[in-house]
Amino acid sequence: MENENKPAKPKKWKRVLKRIGIVLISLIAILYLYNWYWVNSGSNEWQLERDEDGVQVYSLKVPGDNVVKYRTVIKGRYTLSQLAAPHLLDHNLETCKEWFENCVGCKIIEPWDSIRHYDVSLWTLEFPSPFQPRELLINTSVRQDENKVVTIDVTSVPNAVEHNEGKIRVERMHNVWQFTPLGDGVVQCQLTQDISLGGFFPQFLMNMAGKDANFEFMQKELPKFLQKEKYKNATFPFIEEQ
């Protein structure tokens, strides 16, 4: 009798494993369809996500794109050079760590060009395992229009120099800072952020964190930078104040 009952156990486990397999396949299919639906969704218009303490954060989801863009706006009594100074001075490791606490390297690739008003620098960011370090090879350029609006373009130039082994060069990064004089010493500061770290990295986490991360930075961190004496007293011959 005991021998007759033994074959029933493998059959039972096969049924259990089969059911688990069906559940896993169904879950993967659901996640795939959800991701497909989300990537292809979006209004292609800026949407206000947060408006507190003088800080407005907007998001933009373009159909077919898995990256959510963010735009953050504040107003304050600053000079145009003061707002531009953190981007144009002190391209070193200490400053890099102030922008990104996980920064482990900063190198000037092309020094500041006083005629064309740009430079190229390489920032290295460390991430916990299993994510590889990222390299941000960026061109930072500045211009001012006839209305005295200052625009700073921070654009990825991933292939400007040879890639380093063991690090992922960020292919997509285009952040735009715009400083618009409003009169009476008040300036609107706007940051439009479009970045993907590429490689093996959960982009959905950046999409989820973007709203609050941009709010916290513009409300708390940026004002601290701007109050440093070297930035408050900065002047640039190519920037005309309001």
Protein backbone atom coordinates (compact mmCIF):
# COMPACT_ATOMS: atom_id res chain seq x y z
CA MET A 1 0.00 0.00 0.00
CA GLU A 2 2.84 2.41 0.82
CA ASN A 3 4.42 1.88 -2.62
CA GLU A 4 1.14 2.63 -4.34
CA ASN A 5 0.89 6.08 -2.67
CA LYS A 6 4.41 7.30 -3.54
CA PRO A 7 3.85 8.33 -7.20
CA ALA A 8 1.10 10.77 -6.14
CA LYS A 9 3.61 13.23 -4.58
CA PRO A 10 5.56 14.10 -7.77
CA LYS A 11 2.29 14.64 -9.61
CA LYS A 12 1.13 17.00 -6.88
CA TRP A 13 4.35 19.04 -7.03
CA LYS A 14 4.15 19.20 -10.82
CA ARG A 15 0.69 20.72 -10.53
CA VAL A 16 1.92 23.27 -7.97
CA LEU A 17 4.91 24.25 -10.10
CA LYS A 18 2.69 24.52 -13.15
CA ARG A 19 0.36 26.90 -11.31
CA ILE A 20 3.31 28.98 -10.09
CA GLY A 21 4.61 29.16 -13.65
CA ILE A 22 1.24 30.32 -14.93
CA VAL A 23 1.06 33.02 -12.22
CA LEU A 24 4.58 34.27 -13.00
CA ILE A 25 3.93 34.38 -16.74
CA SER A 26 0.66 36.22 -16.14
CA LEU A 27 2.40 38.71 -13.83
CA ILE A 28 5.16 39.36 -16.38
CA ALA A 29 2.56 39.85 -19.10
CA ILE A 30 0.61 42.30 -16.94
CA LEU A 31 3.77 44.29 -16.08
CA TYR A 32 4.81 44.35 -19.74
CA LEU A 33 1.38 45.61 -20.84
CA TYR A 34 1.31 48.21 -18.06
CA ASN A 35 4.78 49.46 -19.01
CA TRP A 36 3.78 49.58 -22.70
CA TYR A 37 0.64 51.51 -21.80
CA TRP A 38 2.53 53.94 -19.55
CA VAL A 39 5.34 54.61 -22.05
CA ASN A 40 2.78 55.41 -24.74
CA SER A 41 0.68 57.57 -22.44
CA GLY A 42 1.12 61.26 -21.72
CA SER A 43 -0.52 64.58 -22.56
CA ASN A 44 2.62 66.16 -24.06
CA GLU A 45 1.80 69.23 -21.96
CA TRP A 46 3.30 70.66 -18.79
CA GLN A 47 1.24 69.74 -15.72
CA LEU A 48 1.54 71.50 -12.33
CA GLU A 49 2.53 68.85 -9.76
CA ARG A 50 3.37 70.91 -6.69
CA ASP A 51 2.96 74.56 -5.67
CA GLU A 52 4.21 75.36 -2.18
CA ASP A 53 6.35 77.99 -0.44
CA GLY A 54 6.95 79.92 -3.63
CA VAL A 55 8.12 76.85 -5.58
CA GLN A 56 6.23 75.43 -8.56
CA VAL A 57 7.09 72.02 -9.99
CA TYR A 58 5.73 70.91 -13.37
CA SER A 59 6.02 67.58 -15.17
CA LEU A 60 5.90 66.67 -18.85
CA LYS A 61 5.20 63.16 -20.15
CA VAL A 62 5.66 62.72 -23.89
CA PRO A 63 3.94 59.68 -25.48
CA GLY A 64 6.54 57.08 -26.43
CA ASP A 65 9.14 58.39 -23.97
CA ASN A 66 9.89 56.63 -20.67
CA VAL A 67 11.50 59.73 -19.16
CA VAL A 68 9.39 62.30 -17.30
CA LYS A 69 10.75 65.84 -17.69
CA TYR A 70 10.48 68.32 -14.83
CA ARG A 71 10.39 72.10 -14.68
CA THR A 72 10.82 73.98 -11.42
CA VAL A 73 10.28 77.72 -10.92
CA ILE A 74 11.16 80.09 -8.06
CA LYS A 75 11.46 83.87 -7.70
CA GLY A 76 13.84 85.85 -5.54
CA ARG A 77 16.02 88.93 -5.15
CA TYR A 78 19.21 87.85 -6.86
CA THR A 79 21.55 89.28 -9.44
CA LEU A 80 21.80 87.48 -12.75
CA SER A 81 25.53 86.84 -12.21
CA GLN A 82 24.80 85.47 -8.74
CA LEU A 83 22.42 82.90 -10.24
CA ALA A 84 24.86 81.99 -13.00
CA ALA A 85 27.96 81.78 -10.78
CA PRO A 86 27.42 78.25 -9.35
CA HIS A 87 27.44 76.91 -12.92
CA LEU A 88 30.46 78.85 -14.11
CA LEU A 89 32.82 78.85 -11.12
CA ASP A 90 34.59 76.11 -9.17
CA HIS A 91 34.29 73.05 -11.38
CA ASN A 92 35.96 70.80 -8.82
CA LEU A 93 35.16 67.78 -6.65
CA GLU A 94 34.00 69.87 -3.69
CA THR A 95 31.44 71.73 -5.78
CA CYS A 96 30.38 68.51 -7.51
CA LYS A 97 29.63 66.98 -4.10
CA GLU A 98 27.44 69.97 -3.27
CA TRP A 99 25.33 69.26 -6.35
CA PHE A 100 25.48 65.45 -6.03
CA GLU A 101 26.44 63.87 -2.71
CA ASN A 102 27.49 60.68 -4.53
CA CYS A 103 29.99 62.54 -6.74
CA VAL A 104 33.45 60.93 -6.60
CA GLY A 105 35.23 62.71 -9.44
CA CYS A 106 35.29 65.99 -11.35
CA LYS A 107 37.65 66.80 -14.21
CA ILE A 108 37.88 69.75 -16.60
CA ILE A 109 38.03 68.47 -20.19
CA GLU A 110 37.87 71.84 -21.96
CA PRO A 111 38.52 74.97 -19.87
CA TRP A 112 36.24 77.99 -20.04
CA ASP A 113 36.20 79.60 -23.48
CA SER A 114 35.90 83.36 -22.91
CA ILE A 115 34.83 83.95 -26.52
CA ARG A 116 32.17 81.26 -26.99
CA HIS A 117 31.24 81.14 -23.29
CA TYR A 118 31.30 77.42 -22.61
CA ASP A 119 33.35 74.67 -20.98
CA VAL A 120 33.29 70.86 -20.85
CA SER A 121 33.68 68.87 -17.65
CA LEU A 122 33.44 65.22 -16.60
CA TRP A 123 31.61 64.30 -13.39
CA THR A 124 31.66 60.78 -11.96
CA LEU A 125 28.80 59.56 -9.76
CA GLU A 126 28.97 56.42 -7.61
CA PHE A 127 25.93 54.21 -7.01
CA PRO A 128 25.36 51.25 -4.67
CA SER A 129 25.68 47.74 -6.12
CA PRO A 130 24.49 46.39 -8.51
CA PHE A 131 24.41 49.75 -10.35
CA GLN A 132 27.55 50.87 -12.18
CA PRO A 133 29.11 54.33 -11.78
CA ARG A 134 27.86 57.01 -14.17
CA GLU A 135 29.91 59.59 -16.00
CA LEU A 136 28.36 62.94 -16.89
CA LEU A 137 30.41 64.49 -19.69
CA ILE A 138 28.70 67.86 -20.02
CA ASN A 139 28.97 71.04 -22.03
CA THR A 140 27.94 74.09 -20.01
CA SER A 141 27.22 77.19 -22.11
CA VAL A 142 25.74 80.58 -21.24
CA ARG A 143 24.06 83.30 -23.30
CA GLN A 144 21.99 86.43 -22.67
CA ASP A 145 19.32 87.75 -25.01
CA GLU A 146 18.14 91.29 -25.76
CA ASN A 147 15.70 91.14 -22.82
CA LYS A 148 18.60 90.33 -20.47
CA VAL A 149 17.28 86.79 -19.95
CA VAL A 150 20.24 84.54 -19.12
CA THR A 151 20.10 80.92 -20.31
CA ILE A 152 22.52 78.23 -19.20
CA ASP A 153 22.48 75.00 -21.21
CA VAL A 154 23.91 71.89 -19.59
CA THR A 155 24.08 69.27 -22.32
CA SER A 156 25.54 65.78 -22.44
CA VAL A 157 28.34 65.30 -24.98
CA PRO A 158 28.98 61.59 -24.29
CA ASN A 159 31.43 60.92 -27.09
CA ALA A 160 33.60 64.03 -26.77
CA VAL A 161 36.34 61.92 -25.15
CA GLU A 162 37.03 58.19 -24.94
CA HIS A 163 34.80 56.15 -22.65
CA ASN A 164 36.26 54.74 -19.43
CA GLU A 165 35.96 51.02 -18.75
CA GLY A 166 33.58 49.98 -15.98
CA LYS A 167 31.59 53.24 -16.10
CA ILE A 168 28.44 54.11 -18.00
CA ARG A 169 28.55 57.38 -19.89
CA VAL A 170 25.21 59.20 -19.62
CA GLU A 171 23.87 59.65 -23.15
CA ARG A 172 20.83 61.76 -22.42
CA MET A 173 21.06 64.93 -20.36
CA HIS A 174 19.79 68.38 -21.27
CA ASN A 175 19.13 70.67 -18.33
CA VAL A 176 18.27 74.30 -19.01
CA TRP A 177 18.51 77.08 -16.45
CA GLN A 178 16.78 80.35 -17.31
CA PHE A 179 17.03 83.55 -15.27
CA THR A 180 14.43 86.16 -16.22
CA PRO A 181 14.55 89.70 -14.73
CA LEU A 182 11.13 90.80 -13.46
CA GLY A 183 12.07 94.28 -12.26
CA ASP A 184 12.74 95.78 -8.83
CA GLY A 185 15.63 93.34 -8.30
CA VAL A 186 13.42 90.25 -8.58
CA VAL A 187 14.44 87.40 -10.89
CA GLN A 188 12.57 84.26 -11.91
CA CYS A 189 14.79 81.18 -11.82
CA GLN A 190 13.59 78.23 -13.89
CA LEU A 191 15.15 74.79 -14.27
CA THR A 192 13.98 72.38 -16.98
CA GLN A 193 15.40 68.91 -16.43
CA ASP A 194 15.63 66.09 -18.98
CA ILE A 195 17.93 63.24 -17.96
CA SER A 196 18.20 59.46 -18.15
CA LEU A 197 21.08 57.63 -16.47
CA GLY A 198 20.87 54.83 -19.03
CA GLY A 199 22.14 51.26 -18.68
CA PHE A 200 20.76 49.06 -15.92
CA PHE A 201 18.94 51.60 -13.77
CA PRO A 202 15.27 51.84 -12.73
CA GLN A 203 14.16 54.94 -14.60
CA PHE A 204 10.75 54.73 -12.95
CA LEU A 205 12.40 55.58 -9.61
CA MET A 206 13.77 58.83 -11.05
CA ASN A 207 10.37 59.58 -12.52
CA MET A 208 8.71 59.01 -9.15
CA ALA A 209 11.27 60.98 -7.13
CA GLY A 210 11.61 63.87 -9.58
CA LYS A 211 8.77 66.00 -8.24
CA ASP A 212 9.90 66.03 -4.61
CA ALA A 213 13.64 66.02 -5.36
CA ASN A 214 13.35 69.13 -7.53
CA PHE A 215 11.15 70.85 -4.98
CA GLU A 216 13.56 70.17 -2.11
CA PHE A 217 16.57 71.31 -4.13
CA MET A 218 15.06 74.59 -5.29
CA GLN A 219 13.52 75.40 -1.91
CA LYS A 220 16.41 74.48 0.40
CA GLU A 221 19.69 73.67 -1.36
CA LEU A 222 19.90 76.29 -4.11
CA PRO A 223 19.35 79.28 -1.76
CA LYS A 224 22.29 78.03 0.35
CA PHE A 225 24.57 78.02 -2.70
CA LEU A 226 23.50 81.48 -3.74
CA GLN A 227 24.28 83.03 -0.35
CA LYS A 228 27.97 82.14 -0.55
CA GLU A 229 30.09 85.28 -0.78
CA LYS A 230 31.88 84.15 -3.94
CA TYR A 231 28.53 83.80 -5.70
CA LYS A 232 26.82 86.87 -4.21
CA ASN A 233 29.68 89.10 -5.33
CA ALA A 234 30.29 87.42 -8.69
CA THR A 235 30.30 89.51 -11.87
CA PHE A 236 30.77 88.43 -15.48
CA PRO A 237 31.58 90.77 -18.37
CA PHE A 238 29.15 88.94 -20.66
CA ILE A 239 26.17 89.27 -18.29
CA GLU A 240 24.37 92.62 -18.06
CA GLU A 241 22.31 93.16 -14.91
CA GLN A 242 18.75 94.44 -14.88
